Amino acid sequence: MRWLKMLLVLALCLVFLFCGWTFATLNTELVSINLFFFTLPEASLSLWLMASFVVGGIAGVVISSIFVMVLKLKLQSARRKISSADKELDQLRTAAMKRAT
C-alpha cells in the first residue's frame, strides 16, 4: 500500500512538473509589471505569474501562522485561568471540609 502512495505522489509530481514546463514554454512574451511607484523589469509572463503564485502562497502561510500563534496564546491563557480556578476550587473544598469536621 505504501508503494502505491509513493507511486501516486510521484505521478502527481510529474504531472505538475509537465504542466509547469508547458506553461513556461507557451508564455514566453516579455512583460514589465507597472506598480504605482515603480516598474519591475521585463521578464517572461510565465515567470511573473509563477512568482506571484509563490509570493501569494508564502503570504498565505505567514498570515495563517500568525493567526494560529495568536489562537495558541489565547488557548494557553485560558488553560492557565482554568488551572488557577481549579486550584482555588480545591482550596475552597478542603477549607469547607475542615470547617465541617
N, C-alpha and C. Protein backbone atom coordinates (compact mmCIF):
# COMPACT_ATOMS: atom_id res chain seq x y z
N MET A 1 0.82 -1.19 0.00
CA MET A 1 0.00 0.00 0.00
C MET A 1 0.87 1.25 0.00
N ARG A 2 1.99 1.18 0.72
CA ARG A 2 2.87 2.34 0.79
C ARG A 2 3.48 2.65 -0.58
N TRP A 3 3.84 1.62 -1.32
CA TRP A 3 4.43 1.83 -2.63
C TRP A 3 3.43 2.46 -3.59
N LEU A 4 2.14 2.13 -3.42
CA LEU A 4 1.11 2.73 -4.27
C LEU A 4 0.99 4.23 -3.99
N LYS A 5 1.06 4.59 -2.72
CA LYS A 5 1.00 6.01 -2.36
C LYS A 5 2.20 6.75 -2.94
N MET A 6 3.39 6.15 -2.82
CA MET A 6 4.60 6.78 -3.37
C MET A 6 4.49 6.92 -4.89
N LEU A 7 3.94 5.90 -5.54
CA LEU A 7 3.77 5.94 -6.99
C LEU A 7 2.79 7.04 -7.40
N LEU A 8 1.70 7.18 -6.66
CA LEU A 8 0.72 8.23 -6.97
C LEU A 8 1.30 9.62 -6.74
N VAL A 9 2.07 9.79 -5.67
CA VAL A 9 2.71 11.08 -5.41
C VAL A 9 3.71 11.41 -6.50
N LEU A 10 4.49 10.43 -6.91
CA LEU A 10 5.47 10.64 -7.99
C LEU A 10 4.76 11.01 -9.29
N ALA A 11 3.68 10.29 -9.61
CA ALA A 11 2.94 10.59 -10.83
C ALA A 11 2.35 11.99 -10.78
N LEU A 12 1.81 12.38 -9.63
CA LEU A 12 1.24 13.72 -9.48
C LEU A 12 2.31 14.79 -9.62
N CYS A 13 3.48 14.55 -9.04
CA CYS A 13 4.59 15.50 -9.18
C CYS A 13 5.01 15.63 -10.63
N LEU A 14 5.08 14.52 -11.34
CA LEU A 14 5.45 14.56 -12.76
C LEU A 14 4.41 15.32 -13.58
N VAL A 15 3.14 15.14 -13.27
CA VAL A 15 2.08 15.87 -13.98
C VAL A 15 2.21 17.37 -13.74
N PHE A 16 2.43 17.78 -12.47
CA PHE A 16 2.60 19.20 -12.17
C PHE A 16 3.85 19.76 -12.83
N LEU A 17 4.93 18.99 -12.84
CA LEU A 17 6.16 19.43 -13.48
C LEU A 17 5.95 19.62 -14.98
N PHE A 18 5.25 18.70 -15.61
CA PHE A 18 4.96 18.81 -17.03
C PHE A 18 4.07 20.01 -17.32
N CYS A 19 3.05 20.22 -16.48
CA CYS A 19 2.17 21.38 -16.68
C CYS A 19 2.94 22.69 -16.52
N GLY A 20 3.81 22.76 -15.51
CA GLY A 20 4.62 23.97 -15.31
C GLY A 20 5.57 24.21 -16.47
N TRP A 21 6.18 23.16 -16.97
CA TRP A 21 7.11 23.30 -18.09
C TRP A 21 6.36 23.75 -19.34
N THR A 22 5.19 23.15 -19.59
CA THR A 22 4.38 23.54 -20.74
C THR A 22 3.92 24.99 -20.61
N PHE A 23 3.49 25.37 -19.43
CA PHE A 23 3.06 26.74 -19.18
C PHE A 23 4.20 27.72 -19.43
N ALA A 24 5.40 27.38 -18.98
CA ALA A 24 6.55 28.27 -19.15
C ALA A 24 6.96 28.39 -20.61
N THR A 25 6.86 27.32 -21.35
CA THR A 25 7.28 27.39 -22.75
C THR A 25 6.24 28.08 -23.63
N LEU A 26 4.98 28.04 -23.23
CA LEU A 26 3.94 28.67 -24.05
C LEU A 26 3.75 30.15 -23.74
N ASN A 27 4.25 30.63 -22.62
CA ASN A 27 4.07 32.03 -22.21
C ASN A 27 5.43 32.71 -22.09
N THR A 28 6.08 32.91 -23.24
CA THR A 28 7.42 33.48 -23.23
C THR A 28 7.45 34.97 -23.55
N GLU A 29 6.29 35.59 -23.72
CA GLU A 29 6.27 37.02 -24.04
C GLU A 29 6.90 37.81 -22.88
N LEU A 30 7.68 38.82 -23.23
CA LEU A 30 8.29 39.66 -22.21
C LEU A 30 7.30 40.75 -21.80
N VAL A 31 7.11 40.87 -20.52
CA VAL A 31 6.22 41.90 -19.99
C VAL A 31 6.91 42.57 -18.81
N SER A 32 6.57 43.82 -18.60
CA SER A 32 7.05 44.50 -17.40
C SER A 32 5.84 44.82 -16.54
N ILE A 33 6.00 44.68 -15.25
CA ILE A 33 4.90 44.92 -14.33
C ILE A 33 5.01 46.34 -13.81
N ASN A 34 3.96 47.12 -14.03
CA ASN A 34 3.95 48.51 -13.61
C ASN A 34 3.16 48.62 -12.30
N LEU A 35 3.88 48.87 -11.22
CA LEU A 35 3.24 49.11 -9.94
C LEU A 35 3.11 50.62 -9.78
N PHE A 36 2.44 51.08 -8.75
CA PHE A 36 2.16 52.51 -8.63
C PHE A 36 3.43 53.36 -8.60
N PHE A 37 4.42 52.95 -7.83
CA PHE A 37 5.58 53.79 -7.62
C PHE A 37 6.82 53.35 -8.39
N PHE A 38 6.84 52.15 -8.90
CA PHE A 38 7.98 51.69 -9.67
C PHE A 38 7.55 50.59 -10.64
N THR A 39 8.43 50.32 -11.59
CA THR A 39 8.15 49.31 -12.61
C THR A 39 9.15 48.18 -12.46
N LEU A 40 8.65 46.97 -12.44
CA LEU A 40 9.52 45.81 -12.35
C LEU A 40 10.13 45.54 -13.72
N PRO A 41 11.32 44.96 -13.76
CA PRO A 41 11.98 44.75 -15.06
C PRO A 41 11.22 43.74 -15.94
N GLU A 42 11.53 43.77 -17.22
CA GLU A 42 10.88 42.86 -18.15
C GLU A 42 11.33 41.43 -17.89
N ALA A 43 10.37 40.54 -17.89
CA ALA A 43 10.63 39.11 -17.76
C ALA A 43 9.48 38.38 -18.44
N SER A 44 9.62 37.10 -18.60
CA SER A 44 8.56 36.35 -19.29
C SER A 44 7.29 36.34 -18.44
N LEU A 45 6.18 36.28 -19.14
CA LEU A 45 4.88 36.27 -18.47
C LEU A 45 4.76 35.09 -17.51
N SER A 46 5.27 33.95 -17.92
CA SER A 46 5.18 32.77 -17.06
C SER A 46 5.97 32.97 -15.77
N LEU A 47 7.11 33.64 -15.85
CA LEU A 47 7.90 33.89 -14.65
C LEU A 47 7.14 34.78 -13.67
N TRP A 48 6.53 35.86 -14.18
CA TRP A 48 5.79 36.76 -13.30
C TRP A 48 4.57 36.07 -12.70
N LEU A 49 3.88 35.24 -13.48
CA LEU A 49 2.71 34.54 -12.95
C LEU A 49 3.09 33.52 -11.89
N MET A 50 4.15 32.75 -12.14
CA MET A 50 4.60 31.77 -11.14
C MET A 50 5.13 32.47 -9.90
N ALA A 51 5.83 33.59 -10.08
CA ALA A 51 6.35 34.34 -8.93
C ALA A 51 5.20 34.88 -8.09
N SER A 52 4.16 35.38 -8.72
CA SER A 52 3.03 35.90 -7.95
C SER A 52 2.31 34.77 -7.23
N PHE A 53 2.24 33.60 -7.84
CA PHE A 53 1.64 32.44 -7.19
C PHE A 53 2.44 32.04 -5.94
N VAL A 54 3.76 32.01 -6.08
CA VAL A 54 4.62 31.63 -4.94
C VAL A 54 4.54 32.68 -3.83
N VAL A 55 4.59 33.96 -4.19
CA VAL A 55 4.50 35.02 -3.18
C VAL A 55 3.15 34.97 -2.47
N GLY A 56 2.08 34.73 -3.21
CA GLY A 56 0.76 34.62 -2.59
C GLY A 56 0.68 33.43 -1.65
N GLY A 57 1.27 32.31 -2.03
CA GLY A 57 1.28 31.14 -1.16
C GLY A 57 2.05 31.38 0.11
N ILE A 58 3.22 32.01 -0.02
CA ILE A 58 4.03 32.32 1.16
C ILE A 58 3.30 33.30 2.07
N ALA A 59 2.67 34.32 1.47
CA ALA A 59 1.92 35.29 2.27
C ALA A 59 0.76 34.61 3.01
N GLY A 60 0.09 33.68 2.35
CA GLY A 60 -1.00 32.96 3.00
C GLY A 60 -0.51 32.13 4.18
N VAL A 61 0.62 31.47 4.01
CA VAL A 61 1.18 30.66 5.09
C VAL A 61 1.59 31.55 6.27
N VAL A 62 2.22 32.69 5.98
CA VAL A 62 2.67 33.59 7.05
C VAL A 62 1.48 34.15 7.81
N ILE A 63 0.47 34.61 7.09
CA ILE A 63 -0.70 35.19 7.75
C ILE A 63 -1.45 34.15 8.57
N SER A 64 -1.62 32.96 8.02
CA SER A 64 -2.32 31.92 8.79
C SER A 64 -1.50 31.48 9.99
N SER A 65 -0.17 31.49 9.87
CA SER A 65 0.69 31.15 11.01
C SER A 65 0.54 32.17 12.13
N ILE A 66 0.42 33.43 11.76
CA ILE A 66 0.24 34.47 12.77
C ILE A 66 -1.08 34.24 13.52
N PHE A 67 -2.15 33.94 12.77
CA PHE A 67 -3.44 33.68 13.41
C PHE A 67 -3.37 32.46 14.32
N VAL A 68 -2.68 31.42 13.88
CA VAL A 68 -2.55 30.21 14.70
C VAL A 68 -1.79 30.52 15.97
N MET A 69 -0.72 31.31 15.87
CA MET A 69 0.06 31.66 17.06
C MET A 69 -0.78 32.47 18.05
N VAL A 70 -1.58 33.41 17.55
CA VAL A 70 -2.44 34.20 18.42
C VAL A 70 -3.46 33.30 19.12
N LEU A 71 -4.04 32.38 18.37
CA LEU A 71 -5.01 31.47 18.97
C LEU A 71 -4.36 30.54 20.00
N LYS A 72 -3.13 30.11 19.74
CA LYS A 72 -2.42 29.27 20.72
C LYS A 72 -2.13 30.04 21.99
N LEU A 73 -1.79 31.33 21.86
CA LEU A 73 -1.56 32.15 23.05
C LEU A 73 -2.85 32.32 23.85
N LYS A 74 -3.97 32.52 23.17
CA LYS A 74 -5.25 32.64 23.86
C LYS A 74 -5.61 31.32 24.56
N LEU A 75 -5.34 30.20 23.89
CA LEU A 75 -5.62 28.90 24.49
C LEU A 75 -4.75 28.68 25.72
N GLN A 76 -3.49 29.05 25.65
CA GLN A 76 -2.58 28.91 26.80
C GLN A 76 -3.07 29.77 27.97
N SER A 77 -3.50 30.98 27.67
CA SER A 77 -4.02 31.86 28.72
C SER A 77 -5.29 31.27 29.34
N ALA A 78 -6.18 30.73 28.52
CA ALA A 78 -7.40 30.13 29.04
C ALA A 78 -7.08 28.90 29.90
N ARG A 79 -6.10 28.12 29.49
CA ARG A 79 -5.71 26.96 30.29
C ARG A 79 -5.14 27.38 31.64
N ARG A 80 -4.35 28.46 31.64
CA ARG A 80 -3.83 28.97 32.92
C ARG A 80 -4.95 29.42 33.83
N LYS A 81 -5.95 30.11 33.28
CA LYS A 81 -7.09 30.55 34.08
C LYS A 81 -7.87 29.37 34.63
N ILE A 82 -8.06 28.34 33.82
CA ILE A 82 -8.76 27.14 34.28
C ILE A 82 -7.98 26.46 35.39
N SER A 83 -6.67 26.37 35.23
CA SER A 83 -5.83 25.75 36.25
C SER A 83 -5.91 26.54 37.56
N SER A 84 -5.88 27.85 37.46
CA SER A 84 -5.98 28.69 38.65
C SER A 84 -7.34 28.52 39.32
N ALA A 85 -8.39 28.47 38.51
CA ALA A 85 -9.74 28.30 39.07
C ALA A 85 -9.87 26.92 39.71
N ASP A 86 -9.28 25.90 39.11
CA ASP A 86 -9.32 24.56 39.71
C ASP A 86 -8.60 24.52 41.05
N LYS A 87 -7.43 25.19 41.12
CA LYS A 87 -6.69 25.23 42.38
C LYS A 87 -7.50 25.94 43.46
N GLU A 88 -8.12 27.05 43.08
CA GLU A 88 -8.93 27.81 44.04
C GLU A 88 -10.13 26.98 44.50
N LEU A 89 -10.75 26.27 43.58
CA LEU A 89 -11.88 25.41 43.92
C LEU A 89 -11.45 24.30 44.87
N ASP A 90 -10.29 23.70 44.61
CA ASP A 90 -9.79 22.65 45.51
C ASP A 90 -9.52 23.21 46.90
N GLN A 91 -8.95 24.41 46.97
CA GLN A 91 -8.69 25.04 48.27
C GLN A 91 -10.00 25.30 49.01
N LEU A 92 -11.00 25.79 48.30
CA LEU A 92 -12.29 26.05 48.93
C LEU A 92 -12.95 24.76 49.40
N ARG A 93 -12.83 23.69 48.64
CA ARG A 93 -13.41 22.40 49.06
C ARG A 93 -12.73 21.87 50.31
N THR A 94 -11.39 21.94 50.32
CA THR A 94 -10.68 21.43 51.51
C THR A 94 -10.96 22.30 52.72
N ALA A 95 -11.09 23.61 52.52
CA ALA A 95 -11.40 24.50 53.63
C ALA A 95 -12.80 24.21 54.16
N ALA A 96 -13.74 23.93 53.29
CA ALA A 96 -15.11 23.61 53.71
C ALA A 96 -15.15 22.30 54.46
N MET A 97 -14.34 21.33 54.02
CA MET A 97 -14.31 20.03 54.69
C MET A 97 -13.68 20.15 56.09
N LYS A 98 -12.66 21.02 56.21
CA LYS A 98 -12.03 21.22 57.51
C LYS A 98 -12.99 21.88 58.50
N ARG A 99 -13.78 22.83 57.98
CA ARG A 99 -14.75 23.51 58.85
C ARG A 99 -15.88 22.56 59.27
N ALA A 100 -16.25 21.64 58.37
CA ALA A 100 -17.35 20.74 58.65
C ALA A 100 -16.96 19.72 59.72
N THR A 101 -15.70 19.40 59.83
CA THR A 101 -15.29 18.40 60.83
C THR A 101 -14.96 18.98 62.16
